[in-house]
């Protein structure tokens, strides 16, 4: 029996970094930290060997709808929901059963069911094997919903055949539950769990690349666990990036030293805003603006770069917040800053609030890409929000600033340098081709 996994995306053969074999980054992909979704490498590991698996990442025209498939599994984020539905509808017209899953179907399962034979919501470690068993019996259920958070012991190692560009997952879940986050507002994803350290260490040891990304929602939720993990991988001669919260990183120098000694090249941090009222309004309790600069300096002192994201459009954001953010980026000598428009994802408290207030401008999910405002901000127009955010990204990607960041990254080592240079070059190309607006 044959399963086709589809990850819908609008791809560009020159600029697509999701496939390093055909992208501009064929060379850089050896030195830039790729962060592809783990979904299908996990599902493949959960699938019995009697099934053969094919994986396609791309758009409608990349798919051979005449292929001999017994089952099609499609996962999608909100921005690709309509593309996923289009692909699913075409397979169903050919009488091939389709299963939909991922963040968007989990948030809107009834909508997704209109385009699928079955919908898997939330974590799939227990429901996917159950679905396959039902499928073999011809008793596929309409919905597969987890009844408990997946035990960390049941999270499998990614299937090596589908793990290219996929990182390592040591923990799962984030208890912070910020109101705009599509991840922690999924069922059970606000429950934090740690995988056995010896299992994680073995996965890192067996990882085919020297560099990888920890794909955890945050590696700073349980510093004690993370410190022990870093101690165990210190001698593996690997380099990595990790997601973390600035409040913990800024206060725990032991964690910073252990991270640096273990091979951490940098941290991916959601600063979100330099306006404390905006942070408080969406439940971002981990961030204190008054501590930002001192925390950033500590990370730099330990030789790690920071890939930082800033979100605009919160209810306390005024036009002044853009220049205030740029001032912070300059003072902190931020290594790789990105300006993003707030996206009110379905299933989040922000979406429910905006929708209840009549501020959602469209439910055309393909527009939920961050390339425009899909809601009415309180203190500016949607057009102003887009323009200010876009101009800030262009300001940060100006050639003199990019060169300054690249040269500065040399102080942190080879991989921080290649990561900084690769991303700066990538976005320079997007600027030149007119493709870069507000997306990271």
Foldseek 3Di string as FASTA:
>chain_A
DEEEEEEEDADDQAQDPVDLVRYVCVPLVQQAAFADDLVVLQLVVLDDPVYHYHYDYYFPVRDDLPDDHQEYEYEYDLLCLVRSLVNLQSNVVVVRFYEYEYLQCQLVVVVVLVRGQAYEHDDCLPQSVVQVVCVVVVNHDHYGYDPAADALQSRDQGHPVPCVSHAAEFKFADLQQFQQDSQNLGPPRNPIHGHPLVVRLVSQLPDPGQEYEHPYPAPQPDLVVSLVSLVSQLPSNHAYEYEHELQSQQPDLSSLLSCLSNHYQAYEYELAFLDVVLCVVRRVVRHDNVSVQSSLVSNVVSLHAYAYEYEDQGQPDALVRLVVVVVVCVSSVHQHYAYFYRQRGRSGNVVVVQVVVVFQQDSPSSVSQRQWDRGQGNHDGRVVRQVSRQVSRVVCLPPVNLVVSLVVSVVRDDSSNSNSVVVSVSVVVCVVVVNDRRHD
